[in-house]
PDB file of N, CA and C in Angstrom:
ATOM      1  N   UNK A   1     -47.793  47.977 -18.041  1.00  0.00           N
ATOM      2  CA  UNK A   1     -48.645  47.996 -19.217  1.00  0.00           C
ATOM      3  C   UNK A   1     -48.940  46.583 -19.714  1.00  0.00           C
ATOM      4  N   UNK A   2     -48.004  45.692 -19.532  1.00  0.00           N
ATOM      5  CA  UNK A   2     -48.215  44.316 -19.996  1.00  0.00           C
ATOM      6  C   UNK A   2     -49.288  43.613 -19.153  1.00  0.00           C
ATOM      7  N   UNK A   3     -49.414  44.044 -17.881  1.00  0.00           N
ATOM      8  CA  UNK A   3     -50.446  43.472 -17.023  1.00  0.00           C
ATOM      9  C   UNK A   3     -51.822  43.804 -17.568  1.00  0.00           C
ATOM     10  N   UNK A   4     -51.980  44.977 -18.124  1.00  0.00           N
ATOM     11  CA  UNK A   4     -53.247  45.388 -18.705  1.00  0.00           C
ATOM     12  C   UNK A   4     -53.646  44.480 -19.866  1.00  0.00           C
ATOM     13  N   UNK A   5     -52.691  44.132 -20.697  1.00  0.00           N
ATOM     14  CA  UNK A   5     -52.970  43.235 -21.820  1.00  0.00           C
ATOM     15  C   UNK A   5     -53.334  41.834 -21.330  1.00  0.00           C
ATOM     16  N   UNK A   6     -52.700  41.390 -20.271  1.00  0.00           N
ATOM     17  CA  UNK A   6     -53.025  40.075 -19.699  1.00  0.00           C
ATOM     18  C   UNK A   6     -54.444  40.086 -19.140  1.00  0.00           C
ATOM     19  N   UNK A   7     -54.799  41.149 -18.422  1.00  0.00           N
ATOM     20  CA  UNK A   7     -56.139  41.243 -17.847  1.00  0.00           C
ATOM     21  C   UNK A   7     -57.210  41.342 -18.928  1.00  0.00           C
ATOM     22  N   UNK A   8     -56.945  42.056 -19.996  1.00  0.00           N
ATOM     23  CA  UNK A   8     -57.899  42.144 -21.108  1.00  0.00           C
ATOM     24  C   UNK A   8     -58.076  40.772 -21.750  1.00  0.00           C
ATOM     25  N   UNK A   9     -57.011  40.056 -21.907  1.00  0.00           N
ATOM     26  CA  UNK A   9     -57.082  38.709 -22.486  1.00  0.00           C
ATOM     27  C   UNK A   9     -57.863  37.748 -21.596  1.00  0.00           C
ATOM     28  N   UNK A  10     -57.618  37.800 -20.303  1.00  0.00           N
ATOM     29  CA  UNK A  10     -58.331  36.935 -19.366  1.00  0.00           C
ATOM     30  C   UNK A  10     -59.814  37.288 -19.322  1.00  0.00           C
ATOM     31  N   UNK A  11     -60.128  38.575 -19.305  1.00  0.00           N
ATOM     32  CA  UNK A  11     -61.539  38.976 -19.260  1.00  0.00           C
ATOM     33  C   UNK A  11     -62.263  38.601 -20.550  1.00  0.00           C
ATOM     34  N   UNK A  12     -61.583  38.680 -21.678  1.00  0.00           N
ATOM     35  CA  UNK A  12     -62.184  38.251 -22.941  1.00  0.00           C
ATOM     36  C   UNK A  12     -62.443  36.748 -22.926  1.00  0.00           C
ATOM     37  N   UNK A  13     -61.518  35.976 -22.367  1.00  0.00           N
ATOM     38  CA  UNK A  13     -61.687  34.529 -22.261  1.00  0.00           C
ATOM     39  C   UNK A  13     -62.862  34.177 -21.354  1.00  0.00           C
ATOM     40  N   UNK A  14     -62.984  34.854 -20.214  1.00  0.00           N
ATOM     41  CA  UNK A  14     -64.099  34.605 -19.286  1.00  0.00           C
ATOM     42  C   UNK A  14     -65.429  34.984 -19.943  1.00  0.00           C
ATOM     43  N   UNK A  15     -65.460  36.096 -20.661  1.00  0.00           N
ATOM     44  CA  UNK A  15     -66.681  36.513 -21.352  1.00  0.00           C
ATOM     45  C   UNK A  15     -67.065  35.492 -22.424  1.00  0.00           C
ATOM     46  N   UNK A  16     -66.095  34.952 -23.131  1.00  0.00           N
ATOM     47  CA  UNK A  16     -66.384  33.938 -24.147  1.00  0.00           C
ATOM     48  C   UNK A  16     -66.932  32.673 -23.502  1.00  0.00           C
ATOM     49  N   UNK A  17     -66.406  32.286 -22.352  1.00  0.00           N
ATOM     50  CA  UNK A  17     -66.909  31.099 -21.646  1.00  0.00           C
ATOM     51  C   UNK A  17     -68.356  31.306 -21.226  1.00  0.00           C
ATOM     52  N   UNK A  18     -68.676  32.482 -20.695  1.00  0.00           N
ATOM     53  CA  UNK A  18     -70.057  32.763 -20.303  1.00  0.00           C
ATOM     54  C   UNK A  18     -70.987  32.813 -21.519  1.00  0.00           C
ATOM     55  N   UNK A  19     -70.512  33.330 -22.625  1.00  0.00           N
ATOM     56  CA  UNK A  19     -71.320  33.359 -23.839  1.00  0.00           C
ATOM     57  C   UNK A  19     -71.602  31.944 -24.331  1.00  0.00           C
ATOM     58  N   UNK A  20     -70.602  31.090 -24.306  1.00  0.00           N
ATOM     59  CA  UNK A  20     -70.789  29.701 -24.725  1.00  0.00           C
ATOM     60  C   UNK A  20     -71.754  28.991 -23.784  1.00  0.00           C
ATOM     61  N   UNK A  21     -71.630  29.220 -22.480  1.00  0.00           N
ATOM     62  CA  UNK A  21     -72.542  28.596 -21.517  1.00  0.00           C
ATOM     63  C   UNK A  21     -73.972  29.081 -21.731  1.00  0.00           C
ATOM     64  N   UNK A  22     -74.150  30.358 -22.022  1.00  0.00           N
ATOM     65  CA  UNK A  22     -75.486  30.893 -22.276  1.00  0.00           C
ATOM     66  C   UNK A  22     -76.088  30.294 -23.545  1.00  0.00           C
ATOM     67  N   UNK A  23     -75.320  30.237 -24.610  1.00  0.00           N
ATOM     68  CA  UNK A  23     -75.823  29.669 -25.857  1.00  0.00           C
ATOM     69  C   UNK A  23     -76.142  28.187 -25.703  1.00  0.00           C
ATOM     70  N   UNK A  24     -75.354  27.479 -24.921  1.00  0.00           N
ATOM     71  CA  UNK A  24     -75.627  26.064 -24.665  1.00  0.00           C
ATOM     72  C   UNK A  24     -76.933  25.902 -23.899  1.00  0.00           C
ATOM     73  N   UNK A  25     -77.163  26.748 -22.892  1.00  0.00           N
ATOM     74  CA  UNK A  25     -78.403  26.629 -22.113  1.00  0.00           C
ATOM     75  C   UNK A  25     -79.626  26.996 -22.947  1.00  0.00           C
ATOM     76  N   UNK A  26     -79.509  27.958 -23.830  1.00  0.00           N
ATOM     77  CA  UNK A  26     -80.626  28.317 -24.705  1.00  0.00           C
ATOM     78  C   UNK A  26     -80.921  27.181 -25.675  1.00  0.00           C
ATOM     79  N   UNK A  27     -79.889  26.560 -26.219  1.00  0.00           N
ATOM     80  CA  UNK A  27     -80.111  25.480 -27.180  1.00  0.00           C
ATOM     81  C   UNK A  27     -80.677  24.230 -26.518  1.00  0.00           C
ATOM     82  N   UNK A  28     -80.452  24.058 -25.214  1.00  0.00           N
ATOM     83  CA  UNK A  28     -80.996  22.910 -24.496  1.00  0.00           C
ATOM     84  C   UNK A  28     -82.363  23.179 -23.896  1.00  0.00           C
ATOM     85  N   UNK A  29     -82.940  24.351 -24.150  1.00  0.00           N
ATOM     86  CA  UNK A  29     -84.303  24.627 -23.724  1.00  0.00           C
ATOM     87  C   UNK A  29     -84.432  25.133 -22.303  1.00  0.00           C
ATOM     88  N   UNK A  30     -83.394  25.713 -21.760  1.00  0.00           N
ATOM     89  CA  UNK A  30     -83.444  26.198 -20.392  1.00  0.00           C
ATOM     90  C   UNK A  30     -84.444  27.342 -20.225  1.00  0.00           C
ATOM     91  N   UNK A  31     -84.640  28.140 -21.248  1.00  0.00           N
ATOM     92  CA  UNK A  31     -85.483  29.334 -21.145  1.00  0.00           C
ATOM     93  C   UNK A  31     -86.777  29.206 -21.947  1.00  0.00           C
ATOM     94  N   UNK A  32     -87.254  28.003 -22.199  1.00  0.00           N
ATOM     95  CA  UNK A  32     -88.441  27.814 -23.021  1.00  0.00           C
ATOM     96  C   UNK A  32     -89.729  28.237 -22.330  1.00  0.00           C
ATOM     97  N   UNK A  33     -89.852  28.009 -21.042  1.00  0.00           N
ATOM     98  CA  UNK A  33     -91.107  28.266 -20.345  1.00  0.00           C
ATOM     99  C   UNK A  33     -91.146  29.705 -19.837  1.00  0.00           C
ATOM    100  N   UNK A  34     -91.720  30.592 -20.619  1.00  0.00           N
ATOM    101  CA  UNK A  34     -91.815  31.978 -20.189  1.00  0.00           C
ATOM    102  C   UNK A  34     -93.245  32.380 -19.849  1.00  0.00           C
ATOM    103  N   UNK A  35     -94.179  31.446 -19.940  1.00  0.00           N
ATOM    104  CA  UNK A  35     -95.580  31.768 -19.654  1.00  0.00           C
ATOM    105  C   UNK A  35     -95.956  31.435 -18.211  1.00  0.00           C
ATOM    106  N   UNK A  36     -95.505  30.321 -17.703  1.00  0.00           N
ATOM    107  CA  UNK A  36     -95.919  29.851 -16.384  1.00  0.00           C
ATOM    108  C   UNK A  36     -95.545  30.808 -15.252  1.00  0.00           C
ATOM    109  N   UNK A  37     -94.338  31.332 -15.182  1.00  0.00           N
ATOM    110  CA  UNK A  37     -94.024  32.229 -14.054  1.00  0.00           C
ATOM    111  C   UNK A  37     -94.909  33.469 -13.993  1.00  0.00           C
ATOM    112  N   UNK A  38     -95.314  33.980 -15.141  1.00  0.00           N
ATOM    113  CA  UNK A  38     -96.152  35.180 -15.111  1.00  0.00           C
ATOM    114  C   UNK A  38     -97.577  34.873 -14.676  1.00  0.00           C
ATOM    115  N   UNK A  39     -98.030  33.646 -14.836  1.00  0.00           N
ATOM    116  CA  UNK A  39     -99.393  33.277 -14.482  1.00  0.00           C
ATOM    117  C   UNK A  39     -99.448  32.634 -13.099  1.00  0.00           C
ATOM    118  N   UNK A  40     -98.335  32.123 -12.625  1.00  0.00           N
ATOM    119  CA  UNK A  40     -98.304  31.392 -11.359  1.00  0.00           C
ATOM    120  C   UNK A  40     -98.793  32.246 -10.196  1.00  0.00           C
ATOM    121  N   UNK A  41     -98.532  33.538 -10.225  1.00  0.00           N
ATOM    122  CA  UNK A  41     -98.948  34.376  -9.099  1.00  0.00           C
ATOM    123  C   UNK A  41    -100.458  34.597  -9.077  1.00  0.00           C
ATOM    124  N   UNK A  42    -101.155  34.263 -10.144  1.00  0.00           N
ATOM    125  CA  UNK A  42    -102.599  34.439 -10.171  1.00  0.00           C
ATOM    126  C   UNK A  42    -103.352  33.307  -9.480  1.00  0.00           C
ATOM    127  N   UNK A  43    -102.695  32.170  -9.276  1.00  0.00           N
ATOM    128  CA  UNK A  43    -103.343  31.019  -8.666  1.00  0.00           C
ATOM    129  C   UNK A  43    -103.154  31.040  -7.165  1.00  0.00           C
ATOM    130  N   UNK A  44    -104.202  30.666  -6.443  1.00  0.00           N
ATOM    131  CA  UNK A  44    -104.132  30.582  -4.996  1.00  0.00           C
ATOM    132  C   UNK A  44    -103.545  29.243  -4.593  1.00  0.00           C
ATOM    133  N   UNK A  45    -102.750  29.248  -3.560  1.00  0.00           N
ATOM    134  CA  UNK A  45    -102.169  28.020  -3.044  1.00  0.00           C
ATOM    135  C   UNK A  45    -102.816  27.610  -1.740  1.00  0.00           C
ATOM    136  N   UNK A  46    -104.087  27.931  -1.567  1.00  0.00           N
ATOM    137  CA  UNK A  46    -104.788  27.609  -0.334  1.00  0.00           C
ATOM    138  C   UNK A  46    -105.307  26.180  -0.385  1.00  0.00           C
ATOM    139  N   UNK A  47    -105.379  25.526   0.744  1.00  0.00           N
ATOM    140  CA  UNK A  47    -105.968  24.174   0.770  1.00  0.00           C
ATOM    141  C   UNK A  47    -107.451  24.225   0.420  1.00  0.00           C
ATOM    142  N   UNK A  48    -107.994  23.093   0.041  1.00  0.00           N
ATOM    143  CA  UNK A  48    -109.401  23.017  -0.380  1.00  0.00           C
ATOM    144  C   UNK A  48    -110.365  23.397   0.744  1.00  0.00           C
ATOM    145  N   UNK A  49    -110.012  23.088   1.987  1.00  0.00           N
ATOM    146  CA  UNK A  49    -110.923  23.399   3.086  1.00  0.00           C
ATOM    147  C   UNK A  49    -111.087  24.911   3.255  1.00  0.00           C
ATOM    148  N   UNK A  50    -110.024  25.661   3.067  1.00  0.00           N
ATOM    149  CA  UNK A  50    -110.135  27.113   3.170  1.00  0.00           C
ATOM    150  C   UNK A  50    -110.930  27.687   2.015  1.00  0.00           C
ATOM    151  N   UNK A  51    -110.777  27.102   0.823  1.00  0.00           N
ATOM    152  CA  UNK A  51    -111.512  27.607  -0.334  1.00  0.00           C
ATOM    153  C   UNK A  51    -113.014  27.434  -0.146  1.00  0.00           C
ATOM    154  N   UNK A  52    -113.416  26.301   0.413  1.00  0.00           N
ATOM    155  CA  UNK A  52    -114.854  26.085   0.608  1.00  0.00           C
ATOM    156  C   UNK A  52    -115.403  27.024   1.669  1.00  0.00           C
ATOM    157  N   UNK A  53    -114.633  27.293   2.707  1.00  0.00           N
ATOM    158  CA  UNK A  53    -115.126  28.208   3.724  1.00  0.00           C
ATOM    159  C   UNK A  53    -115.224  29.626   3.183  1.00  0.00           C
ATOM    160  N   UNK A  54    -114.308  30.017   2.318  1.00  0.00           N
ATOM    161  CA  UNK A  54    -114.401  31.347   1.721  1.00  0.00           C
ATOM    162  C   UNK A  54    -115.613  31.442   0.807  1.00  0.00           C
ATOM    163  N   UNK A  55    -115.898  30.383   0.068  1.00  0.00           N
ATOM    164  CA  UNK A  55    -117.081  30.386  -0.789  1.00  0.00           C
ATOM    165  C   UNK A  55    -118.347  30.446   0.046  1.00  0.00           C
ATOM    166  N   UNK A  56    -118.361  29.733   1.164  1.00  0.00           N
ATOM    167  CA  UNK A  56    -119.532  29.750   2.031  1.00  0.00           C
ATOM    168  C   UNK A  56    -119.743  31.138   2.616  1.00  0.00           C
ATOM    169  N   UNK A  57    -118.649  31.814   2.975  1.00  0.00           N
ATOM    170  CA  UNK A  57    -118.773  33.168   3.516  1.00  0.00           C
ATOM    171  C   UNK A  57    -119.320  34.125   2.469  1.00  0.00           C
ATOM    172  N   UNK A  58    -118.881  33.974   1.237  1.00  0.00           N
ATOM    173  CA  UNK A  58    -119.357  34.870   0.182  1.00  0.00           C
ATOM    174  C   UNK A  58    -120.839  34.664  -0.078  1.00  0.00           C
ATOM    175  N   UNK A  59    -121.265  33.394  -0.116  1.00  0.00           N
ATOM    176  CA  UNK A  59    -122.692  33.142  -0.355  1.00  0.00           C
ATOM    177  C   UNK A  59    -123.533  33.599   0.816  1.00  0.00           C
ATOM    178  N   UNK A  60    -122.988  33.510   2.036  1.00  0.00           N
ATOM    179  CA  UNK A  60    -123.721  33.988   3.213  1.00  0.00           C
ATOM    180  C   UNK A  60    -123.880  35.498   3.150  1.00  0.00           C
ATOM    181  N   UNK A  61    -122.841  36.203   2.719  1.00  0.00           N
ATOM    182  CA  UNK A  61    -122.918  37.659   2.603  1.00  0.00           C
ATOM    183  C   UNK A  61    -123.913  38.064   1.517  1.00  0.00           C
ATOM    184  N   UNK A  62    -123.940  37.325   0.416  1.00  0.00           N
ATOM    185  CA  UNK A  62    -124.888  37.656  -0.651  1.00  0.00           C
ATOM    186  C   UNK A  62    -126.325  37.428  -0.197  1.00  0.00           C
ATOM    187  N   UNK A  63    -126.544  36.382   0.558  1.00  0.00           N
ATOM    188  CA  UNK A  63    -127.879  36.080   1.031  1.00  0.00           C
ATOM    189  C   UNK A  63    -128.342  37.099   2.080  1.00  0.00           C
ATOM    190  N   UNK A  64    -127.405  37.652   2.840  1.00  0.00           N
ATOM    191  CA  UNK A  64    -127.755  38.611   3.877  1.00  0.00           C
ATOM    192  C   UNK A  64    -128.146  39.963   3.281  1.00  0.00           C
ATOM    193  N   UNK A  65    -127.612  40.286   2.130  1.00  0.00           N
ATOM    194  CA  UNK A  65    -127.882  41.593   1.513  1.00  0.00           C
ATOM    195  C   UNK A  65    -129.129  41.554   0.766  1.00  0.00           C
TER     196      UNK A  65
END
């Protein structure tokens, strides 16, 4: 039974350490940027040469119709 009390004490200490680390990271601005990750997937990472060829293909298709 005494082992149970030791384990509860150790787990409480570990939880307090993680809570302190989390509060420290929040106060230092670790989680400030919440807009960029949600928008990053909307941007294409293609090189400029591919972008121009895609634009040329689109204008060619519009002209053909």
